[in-house]
């Protein structure tokens, strides 16, 4: 298994090898922001479910995140709480029904490293993909879109957050039709990474997964597992990077509105 501790180092190295910025396609949930461990951490802290990964009342979200993803083997395709209707409803209340959900949960370290790569000029294009339930969020999750617009959406290199209905075409099909020339695909789902890799025979493409226990079986050429933690990245950090690049004349003039934290 190819395990790395520095995603932006891999991006920078590949950038130098290719002699140009990379074209990256990246998932949002559980790569940019965690939509699985965070609601479970809140439930365990509040003693609303049997404690499995919370050791005591002082267990931080960062510690819970590390313990959960280093021990949980089921993966998103086999989430154990889906079998418990009462628990599933509690998880949904903490994520699907909270209007401020994506403003409350912190960014993960992958987001921080992508921001650094954007600042260094190592990325030519960055596109985010995210599937959604048409039943729960008709037309897409507006909360996620708002978070994107206030952060990564400020960069001209970022081509958007494309929302794909969970019942529709796979990410592999979407990439084949809309973005076949990507250099790097980042996703937390071992099934989706494997499917996308199978759809493309180009050995020059790179595939990156967060280093979660449930992803360890995915191995192969140009497949990397990056150490992923909870970061201290805020909306303000994106504004600061944009303003720094403008002062250095490294970014086209773009009006930046100070987002709410």
C-alpha atoms as a PDB file:
ATOM      1  CA  UNK A   1       0.000   0.000   0.000  1.00  0.00           C
ATOM      2  CA  UNK A   2       1.339   3.424  -0.978  1.00  0.00           C
ATOM      3  CA  UNK A   3       0.807   5.566   2.119  1.00  0.00           C
ATOM      4  CA  UNK A   4       1.733   9.257   2.058  1.00  0.00           C
ATOM      5  CA  UNK A   5       1.621  11.982   4.691  1.00  0.00           C
ATOM      6  CA  UNK A   6       1.634  14.972   2.351  1.00  0.00           C
ATOM      7  CA  UNK A   7      -0.913  15.319  -0.454  1.00  0.00           C
ATOM      8  CA  UNK A   8       0.278  18.707  -1.644  1.00  0.00           C
ATOM      9  CA  UNK A   9       3.820  17.279  -1.895  1.00  0.00           C
ATOM     10  CA  UNK A  10       2.526  14.595  -4.288  1.00  0.00           C
ATOM     11  CA  UNK A  11       0.672  17.263  -6.279  1.00  0.00           C
ATOM     12  CA  UNK A  12       3.747  19.497  -6.450  1.00  0.00           C
ATOM     13  CA  UNK A  13       6.030  16.622  -7.462  1.00  0.00           C
ATOM     14  CA  UNK A  14       3.632  15.476 -10.203  1.00  0.00           C
ATOM     15  CA  UNK A  15       3.243  19.086 -11.327  1.00  0.00           C
ATOM     16  CA  UNK A  16       7.012  19.358 -11.797  1.00  0.00           C
ATOM     17  CA  UNK A  17       7.130  16.055 -13.691  1.00  0.00           C
ATOM     18  CA  UNK A  18       4.369  17.089 -16.082  1.00  0.00           C
ATOM     19  CA  UNK A  19       5.550  20.665 -16.405  1.00  0.00           C
ATOM     20  CA  UNK A  20       2.065  22.061 -15.771  1.00  0.00           C
ATOM     21  CA  UNK A  21      -0.602  22.394 -13.144  1.00  0.00           C
ATOM     22  CA  UNK A  22      -2.675  19.313 -12.383  1.00  0.00           C
ATOM     23  CA  UNK A  23      -6.310  18.728 -13.268  1.00  0.00           C
ATOM     24  CA  UNK A  24      -7.858  17.282 -10.130  1.00  0.00           C
ATOM     25  CA  UNK A  25     -11.329  15.870  -9.451  1.00  0.00           C
ATOM     26  CA  UNK A  26     -12.209  15.480  -5.777  1.00  0.00           C
ATOM     27  CA  UNK A  27     -15.130  14.195  -3.738  1.00  0.00           C
ATOM     28  CA  UNK A  28     -16.543  16.435  -0.983  1.00  0.00           C
ATOM     29  CA  UNK A  29     -18.143  14.352   1.799  1.00  0.00           C
ATOM     30  CA  UNK A  30     -15.602  12.615   4.068  1.00  0.00           C
ATOM     31  CA  UNK A  31     -12.721  14.074   2.051  1.00  0.00           C
ATOM     32  CA  UNK A  32     -13.278  17.824   2.437  1.00  0.00           C
ATOM     33  CA  UNK A  33     -15.643  17.594   5.391  1.00  0.00           C
ATOM     34  CA  UNK A  34     -16.624  14.575   7.460  1.00  0.00           C
ATOM     35  CA  UNK A  35     -20.293  13.587   7.239  1.00  0.00           C
ATOM     36  CA  UNK A  36     -19.976  10.260   9.044  1.00  0.00           C
ATOM     37  CA  UNK A  37     -17.810  10.429  12.157  1.00  0.00           C
ATOM     38  CA  UNK A  38     -18.913  13.894  13.285  1.00  0.00           C
ATOM     39  CA  UNK A  39     -22.611  13.108  13.913  1.00  0.00           C
ATOM     40  CA  UNK A  40     -21.604   9.840  15.588  1.00  0.00           C
ATOM     41  CA  UNK A  41     -19.169  11.701  17.842  1.00  0.00           C
ATOM     42  CA  UNK A  42     -21.927  14.113  18.874  1.00  0.00           C
ATOM     43  CA  UNK A  43     -24.290  11.233  19.618  1.00  0.00           C
ATOM     44  CA  UNK A  44     -21.739   9.359  21.718  1.00  0.00           C
ATOM     45  CA  UNK A  45     -20.665  12.485  23.630  1.00  0.00           C
ATOM     46  CA  UNK A  46     -24.311  13.154  24.468  1.00  0.00           C
ATOM     47  CA  UNK A  47     -24.758   9.494  25.462  1.00  0.00           C
ATOM     48  CA  UNK A  48     -27.494   9.043  22.868  1.00  0.00           C
ATOM     49  CA  UNK A  49     -25.958   5.762  21.740  1.00  0.00           C
ATOM     50  CA  UNK A  50     -23.678   3.109  23.212  1.00  0.00           C
ATOM     51  CA  UNK A  51     -20.146   4.449  23.337  1.00  0.00           C
ATOM     52  CA  UNK A  52     -17.911   2.676  20.859  1.00  0.00           C
ATOM     53  CA  UNK A  53     -15.254   5.197  19.893  1.00  0.00           C
ATOM     54  CA  UNK A  54     -15.689   7.849  22.619  1.00  0.00           C
ATOM     55  CA  UNK A  55     -13.526   7.017  25.626  1.00  0.00           C
ATOM     56  CA  UNK A  56     -14.885   9.700  27.983  1.00  0.00           C
ATOM     57  CA  UNK A  57     -16.786  12.987  28.107  1.00  0.00           C
ATOM     58  CA  UNK A  58     -13.627  14.889  27.143  1.00  0.00           C
ATOM     59  CA  UNK A  59     -12.927  12.983  23.934  1.00  0.00           C
ATOM     60  CA  UNK A  60     -12.345  15.596  21.249  1.00  0.00           C
ATOM     61  CA  UNK A  61     -13.769  15.326  17.770  1.00  0.00           C
ATOM     62  CA  UNK A  62     -10.217  15.099  16.390  1.00  0.00           C
ATOM     63  CA  UNK A  63      -9.408  12.120  18.611  1.00  0.00           C
ATOM     64  CA  UNK A  64     -12.743  10.473  17.797  1.00  0.00           C
ATOM     65  CA  UNK A  65     -12.185  10.982  14.064  1.00  0.00           C
ATOM     66  CA  UNK A  66      -8.752   9.364  14.220  1.00  0.00           C
ATOM     67  CA  UNK A  67      -9.979   6.397  16.267  1.00  0.00           C
ATOM     68  CA  UNK A  68     -13.130   5.872  14.195  1.00  0.00           C
ATOM     69  CA  UNK A  69     -11.490   5.829  10.767  1.00  0.00           C
ATOM     70  CA  UNK A  70      -8.470   3.816  11.949  1.00  0.00           C
ATOM     71  CA  UNK A  71     -10.687   1.042  13.392  1.00  0.00           C
ATOM     72  CA  UNK A  72     -13.973   1.037  11.468  1.00  0.00           C
ATOM     73  CA  UNK A  73     -13.761  -1.496   8.628  1.00  0.00           C
ATOM     74  CA  UNK A  74     -17.309  -1.402   7.270  1.00  0.00           C
ATOM     75  CA  UNK A  75     -16.942   1.580   4.983  1.00  0.00           C
ATOM     76  CA  UNK A  76     -19.730   3.885   3.869  1.00  0.00           C
ATOM     77  CA  UNK A  77     -21.342   1.129   1.821  1.00  0.00           C
ATOM     78  CA  UNK A  78     -21.938  -0.917   4.996  1.00  0.00           C
ATOM     79  CA  UNK A  79     -22.601   1.656   7.716  1.00  0.00           C
ATOM     80  CA  UNK A  80     -23.604  -0.295  10.807  1.00  0.00           C
ATOM     81  CA  UNK A  81     -26.085   2.277  12.131  1.00  0.00           C
ATOM     82  CA  UNK A  82     -28.273   1.899   9.022  1.00  0.00           C
ATOM     83  CA  UNK A  83     -29.508  -1.382  10.526  1.00  0.00           C
ATOM     84  CA  UNK A  84     -30.811   0.450  13.603  1.00  0.00           C
ATOM     85  CA  UNK A  85     -33.724   2.680  12.550  1.00  0.00           C
ATOM     86  CA  UNK A  86     -33.712   4.743  15.757  1.00  0.00           C
ATOM     87  CA  UNK A  87     -29.953   5.347  15.509  1.00  0.00           C
ATOM     88  CA  UNK A  88     -30.193   6.074  11.796  1.00  0.00           C
ATOM     89  CA  UNK A  89     -32.823   8.736  12.503  1.00  0.00           C
ATOM     90  CA  UNK A  90     -30.569  10.340  15.121  1.00  0.00           C
ATOM     91  CA  UNK A  91     -27.644  10.465  12.681  1.00  0.00           C
ATOM     92  CA  UNK A  92     -29.883  12.015  10.038  1.00  0.00           C
ATOM     93  CA  UNK A  93     -31.104  14.668  12.485  1.00  0.00           C
ATOM     94  CA  UNK A  94     -27.487  15.667  13.125  1.00  0.00           C
ATOM     95  CA  UNK A  95     -26.565  15.896   9.453  1.00  0.00           C
ATOM     96  CA  UNK A  96     -29.426  16.026   6.961  1.00  0.00           C
ATOM     97  CA  UNK A  97     -31.771  18.264   8.937  1.00  0.00           C
ATOM     98  CA  UNK A  98     -29.315  20.782  10.411  1.00  0.00           C
ATOM     99  CA  UNK A  99     -29.309  23.912   8.230  1.00  0.00           C
ATOM    100  CA  UNK A 100     -25.888  24.958   9.551  1.00  0.00           C
ATOM    101  CA  UNK A 101     -24.330  21.500   9.362  1.00  0.00           C
ATOM    102  CA  UNK A 102     -21.533  22.287   6.880  1.00  0.00           C
ATOM    103  CA  UNK A 103     -20.710  25.502   8.737  1.00  0.00           C
ATOM    104  CA  UNK A 104     -20.370  23.586  12.009  1.00  0.00           C
ATOM    105  CA  UNK A 105     -18.132  20.709  10.971  1.00  0.00           C
ATOM    106  CA  UNK A 106     -14.465  21.519  10.329  1.00  0.00           C
ATOM    107  CA  UNK A 107     -12.515  20.923   7.161  1.00  0.00           C
ATOM    108  CA  UNK A 108     -10.249  17.897   6.966  1.00  0.00           C
ATOM    109  CA  UNK A 109      -6.528  18.020   6.248  1.00  0.00           C
ATOM    110  CA  UNK A 110      -7.041  17.130   2.563  1.00  0.00           C
ATOM    111  CA  UNK A 111      -8.868  20.452   2.129  1.00  0.00           C
ATOM    112  CA  UNK A 112      -5.995  22.314   3.756  1.00  0.00           C
ATOM    113  CA  UNK A 113      -3.466  20.659   1.452  1.00  0.00           C
ATOM    114  CA  UNK A 114      -5.522  21.431  -1.648  1.00  0.00           C
ATOM    115  CA  UNK A 115      -5.682  25.074  -0.567  1.00  0.00           C
ATOM    116  CA  UNK A 116      -1.879  25.086  -0.209  1.00  0.00           C
ATOM    117  CA  UNK A 117      -1.504  23.539  -3.684  1.00  0.00           C
ATOM    118  CA  UNK A 118      -3.788  26.231  -5.124  1.00  0.00           C
ATOM    119  CA  UNK A 119      -1.679  28.885  -3.408  1.00  0.00           C
ATOM    120  CA  UNK A 120       1.531  27.377  -4.819  1.00  0.00           C
ATOM    121  CA  UNK A 121       0.099  27.282  -8.330  1.00  0.00           C
ATOM    122  CA  UNK A 122       0.325  23.489  -8.622  1.00  0.00           C
ATOM    123  CA  UNK A 123      -3.303  23.067  -9.723  1.00  0.00           C
ATOM    124  CA  UNK A 124      -4.603  24.028 -13.170  1.00  0.00           C
ATOM    125  CA  UNK A 125      -8.176  22.863 -12.592  1.00  0.00           C
ATOM    126  CA  UNK A 126      -9.981  21.565  -9.528  1.00  0.00           C
ATOM    127  CA  UNK A 127     -13.484  20.122  -9.786  1.00  0.00           C
ATOM    128  CA  UNK A 128     -15.493  18.781  -6.874  1.00  0.00           C
ATOM    129  CA  UNK A 129     -18.044  15.992  -7.244  1.00  0.00           C
ATOM    130  CA  UNK A 130     -20.643  14.997  -4.695  1.00  0.00           C
ATOM    131  CA  UNK A 131     -23.601  12.660  -4.896  1.00  0.00           C
ATOM    132  CA  UNK A 132     -26.884  13.477  -3.196  1.00  0.00           C
ATOM    133  CA  UNK A 133     -30.239  11.942  -2.400  1.00  0.00           C
ATOM    134  CA  UNK A 134     -32.987  13.457  -4.526  1.00  0.00           C
ATOM    135  CA  UNK A 135     -35.476  12.412  -1.853  1.00  0.00           C
ATOM    136  CA  UNK A 136     -33.673  14.247   0.957  1.00  0.00           C
ATOM    137  CA  UNK A 137     -32.190  17.195  -0.961  1.00  0.00           C
ATOM    138  CA  UNK A 138     -34.095  17.733  -4.237  1.00  0.00           C
ATOM    139  CA  UNK A 139     -31.765  19.328  -6.761  1.00  0.00           C
ATOM    140  CA  UNK A 140     -28.752  19.017  -4.450  1.00  0.00           C
ATOM    141  CA  UNK A 141     -27.667  20.012  -0.954  1.00  0.00           C
ATOM    142  CA  UNK A 142     -27.798  23.832  -0.855  1.00  0.00           C
ATOM    143  CA  UNK A 143     -25.866  23.888   2.450  1.00  0.00           C
ATOM    144  CA  UNK A 144     -22.887  22.208   0.825  1.00  0.00           C
ATOM    145  CA  UNK A 145     -23.038  24.534  -2.168  1.00  0.00           C
ATOM    146  CA  UNK A 146     -23.012  27.564   0.128  1.00  0.00           C
ATOM    147  CA  UNK A 147     -19.931  26.264   1.959  1.00  0.00           C
ATOM    148  CA  UNK A 148     -18.196  25.622  -1.357  1.00  0.00           C
ATOM    149  CA  UNK A 149     -18.980  29.109  -2.693  1.00  0.00           C
ATOM    150  CA  UNK A 150     -17.584  30.746   0.447  1.00  0.00           C
ATOM    151  CA  UNK A 151     -14.323  28.791   0.262  1.00  0.00           C
ATOM    152  CA  UNK A 152     -12.956  26.914  -2.755  1.00  0.00           C
ATOM    153  CA  UNK A 153     -15.499  28.582  -5.027  1.00  0.00           C
ATOM    154  CA  UNK A 154     -13.523  31.834  -4.732  1.00  0.00           C
ATOM    155  CA  UNK A 155     -10.675  30.475  -6.898  1.00  0.00           C
ATOM    156  CA  UNK A 156     -10.803  30.785 -10.707  1.00  0.00           C
ATOM    157  CA  UNK A 157      -8.996  27.419 -11.022  1.00  0.00           C
ATOM    158  CA  UNK A 158     -11.913  25.726  -9.255  1.00  0.00           C
ATOM    159  CA  UNK A 159     -14.497  24.772 -11.854  1.00  0.00           C
ATOM    160  CA  UNK A 160     -17.371  24.033  -9.529  1.00  0.00           C
ATOM    161  CA  UNK A 161     -19.057  21.589  -7.200  1.00  0.00           C
ATOM    162  CA  UNK A 162     -20.939  19.168  -9.439  1.00  0.00           C
ATOM    163  CA  UNK A 163     -23.818  17.456  -7.667  1.00  0.00           C
ATOM    164  CA  UNK A 164     -24.669  14.005  -9.022  1.00  0.00           C
ATOM    165  CA  UNK A 165     -27.919  12.230  -8.041  1.00  0.00           C
ATOM    166  CA  UNK A 166     -27.100   9.050  -6.138  1.00  0.00           C
ATOM    167  CA  UNK A 167     -29.564   7.195  -8.345  1.00  0.00           C
ATOM    168  CA  UNK A 168     -27.999   8.492 -11.560  1.00  0.00           C
ATOM    169  CA  UNK A 169     -24.787   7.797 -13.460  1.00  0.00           C
ATOM    170  CA  UNK A 170     -21.656   6.769 -11.584  1.00  0.00           C
ATOM    171  CA  UNK A 171     -18.714   9.124 -11.111  1.00  0.00           C
ATOM    172  CA  UNK A 172     -16.803   7.019 -13.622  1.00  0.00           C
ATOM    173  CA  UNK A 173     -19.488   7.630 -16.248  1.00  0.00           C
ATOM    174  CA  UNK A 174     -19.572  11.340 -15.415  1.00  0.00           C
ATOM    175  CA  UNK A 175     -15.799  11.609 -15.772  1.00  0.00           C
ATOM    176  CA  UNK A 176     -15.756   9.736 -19.076  1.00  0.00           C
ATOM    177  CA  UNK A 177     -18.303  12.149 -20.501  1.00  0.00           C
ATOM    178  CA  UNK A 178     -17.322  15.427 -18.836  1.00  0.00           C
ATOM    179  CA  UNK A 179     -13.731  15.339 -17.605  1.00  0.00           C
ATOM    180  CA  UNK A 180     -11.720  12.455 -19.126  1.00  0.00           C
ATOM    181  CA  UNK A 181      -8.434  14.405 -19.033  1.00  0.00           C
ATOM    182  CA  UNK A 182      -8.137  14.581 -15.249  1.00  0.00           C
ATOM    183  CA  UNK A 183      -4.739  13.819 -13.693  1.00  0.00           C
ATOM    184  CA  UNK A 184      -5.826  12.934 -10.164  1.00  0.00           C
ATOM    185  CA  UNK A 185      -9.040  11.565  -8.655  1.00  0.00           C
ATOM    186  CA  UNK A 186      -9.597  11.845  -4.877  1.00  0.00           C
ATOM    187  CA  UNK A 187     -12.436   9.958  -3.159  1.00  0.00           C
ATOM    188  CA  UNK A 188     -13.043   8.191   0.144  1.00  0.00           C
ATOM    189  CA  UNK A 189     -15.044   5.316  -1.373  1.00  0.00           C
ATOM    190  CA  UNK A 190     -12.926   2.267  -2.291  1.00  0.00           C
ATOM    191  CA  UNK A 191     -15.677   1.119  -4.638  1.00  0.00           C
ATOM    192  CA  UNK A 192     -15.783   4.416  -6.527  1.00  0.00           C
ATOM    193  CA  UNK A 193     -11.996   4.697  -6.778  1.00  0.00           C
ATOM    194  CA  UNK A 194     -11.774   1.149  -8.129  1.00  0.00           C
ATOM    195  CA  UNK A 195     -14.627   1.779 -10.576  1.00  0.00           C
ATOM    196  CA  UNK A 196     -13.097   5.002 -11.892  1.00  0.00           C
ATOM    197  CA  UNK A 197      -9.674   3.391 -12.237  1.00  0.00           C
ATOM    198  CA  UNK A 198     -11.199   0.527 -14.232  1.00  0.00           C
ATOM    199  CA  UNK A 199     -12.931   3.015 -16.533  1.00  0.00           C
ATOM    200  CA  UNK A 200      -9.616   4.596 -17.551  1.00  0.00           C
ATOM    201  CA  UNK A 201      -6.621   2.725 -18.965  1.00  0.00           C
ATOM    202  CA  UNK A 202      -4.290   5.728 -18.711  1.00  0.00           C
ATOM    203  CA  UNK A 203      -1.418   4.775 -16.378  1.00  0.00           C
ATOM    204  CA  UNK A 204      -0.480   8.433 -15.937  1.00  0.00           C
ATOM    205  CA  UNK A 205      -3.540   9.124 -13.775  1.00  0.00           C
ATOM    206  CA  UNK A 206      -3.289   9.153  -9.976  1.00  0.00           C
ATOM    207  CA  UNK A 207      -5.866   7.989  -7.435  1.00  0.00           C
ATOM    208  CA  UNK A 208      -5.917   9.139  -3.814  1.00  0.00           C
ATOM    209  CA  UNK A 209      -7.977   7.915  -0.859  1.00  0.00           C
ATOM    210  CA  UNK A 210      -7.965   9.070   2.768  1.00  0.00           C
ATOM    211  CA  UNK A 211      -6.036   6.528   4.829  1.00  0.00           C
ATOM    212  CA  UNK A 212      -9.081   4.953   6.483  1.00  0.00           C
ATOM    213  CA  UNK A 213      -9.197   1.350   7.683  1.00  0.00           C
ATOM    214  CA  UNK A 214     -12.024   0.548   5.280  1.00  0.00           C
ATOM    215  CA  UNK A 215      -9.891   1.651   2.304  1.00  0.00           C
ATOM    216  CA  UNK A 216      -6.772  -0.436   2.944  1.00  0.00           C
ATOM    217  CA  UNK A 217      -7.665  -3.198   0.480  1.00  0.00           C
ATOM    218  CA  UNK A 218      -7.530  -0.795  -2.449  1.00  0.00           C
ATOM    219  CA  UNK A 219      -4.030  -1.097  -3.861  1.00  0.00           C
ATOM    220  CA  UNK A 220      -2.373  -0.765  -7.237  1.00  0.00           C
ATOM    221  CA  UNK A 221      -0.228   1.393  -9.463  1.00  0.00           C
ATOM    222  CA  UNK A 222      -0.625   5.113  -8.812  1.00  0.00           C
ATOM    223  CA  UNK A 223      -3.045   4.521  -5.896  1.00  0.00           C
ATOM    224  CA  UNK A 224      -2.108   6.478  -2.784  1.00  0.00           C
ATOM    225  CA  UNK A 225      -3.516   6.548   0.751  1.00  0.00           C
ATOM    226  CA  UNK A 226      -3.050   9.953   2.381  1.00  0.00           C
ATOM    227  CA  UNK A 227      -2.985  10.496   6.146  1.00  0.00           C
ATOM    228  CA  UNK A 228      -6.156  12.444   6.953  1.00  0.00           C
ATOM    229  CA  UNK A 229      -6.965  14.360  10.131  1.00  0.00           C
ATOM    230  CA  UNK A 230      -9.271  17.128  11.341  1.00  0.00           C
ATOM    231  CA  UNK A 231      -7.798  20.517  10.399  1.00  0.00           C
ATOM    232  CA  UNK A 232      -8.052  24.040  11.801  1.00  0.00           C
ATOM    233  CA  UNK A 233      -8.867  25.534   8.392  1.00  0.00           C
ATOM    234  CA  UNK A 234     -11.509  28.294   8.408  1.00  0.00           C
ATOM    235  CA  UNK A 235     -13.391  30.307   5.798  1.00  0.00           C
ATOM    236  CA  UNK A 236     -11.150  33.267   6.590  1.00  0.00           C
ATOM    237  CA  UNK A 237      -8.062  31.307   5.495  1.00  0.00           C
ATOM    238  CA  UNK A 238      -9.455  31.124   1.949  1.00  0.00           C
ATOM    239  CA  UNK A 239     -10.034  34.875   1.861  1.00  0.00           C
ATOM    240  CA  UNK A 240      -6.483  35.512   3.080  1.00  0.00           C
ATOM    241  CA  UNK A 241      -4.952  33.282   0.396  1.00  0.00           C
ATOM    242  CA  UNK A 242      -7.037  34.973  -2.315  1.00  0.00           C
ATOM    243  CA  UNK A 243      -5.935  38.428  -1.148  1.00  0.00           C
ATOM    244  CA  UNK A 244      -2.264  37.356  -0.945  1.00  0.00           C
ATOM    245  CA  UNK A 245      -2.354  36.043  -4.514  1.00  0.00           C
ATOM    246  CA  UNK A 246      -3.999  39.224  -5.747  1.00  0.00           C
ATOM    247  CA  UNK A 247      -1.257  41.352  -4.182  1.00  0.00           C
ATOM    248  CA  UNK A 248       1.328  39.182  -5.919  1.00  0.00           C
ATOM    249  CA  UNK A 249      -0.526  39.480  -9.251  1.00  0.00           C
ATOM    250  CA  UNK A 250      -0.847  35.707  -9.327  1.00  0.00           C
ATOM    251  CA  UNK A 251      -4.621  35.684  -9.511  1.00  0.00           C
ATOM    252  CA  UNK A 252      -7.081  37.356 -11.821  1.00  0.00           C
ATOM    253  CA  UNK A 253      -9.058  40.111 -10.139  1.00  0.00           C
ATOM    254  CA  UNK A 254     -12.040  38.518  -8.481  1.00  0.00           C
ATOM    255  CA  UNK A 255     -14.382  40.135  -5.969  1.00  0.00           C
ATOM    256  CA  UNK A 256     -14.158  38.296  -2.668  1.00  0.00           C
ATOM    257  CA  UNK A 257     -16.911  38.612  -0.124  1.00  0.00           C
ATOM    258  CA  UNK A 258     -15.969  37.880   3.449  1.00  0.00           C
ATOM    259  CA  UNK A 259     -17.951  34.704   4.310  1.00  0.00           C
ATOM    260  CA  UNK A 260     -19.575  34.076   7.628  1.00  0.00           C
ATOM    261  CA  UNK A 261     -17.829  31.594   9.902  1.00  0.00           C
END
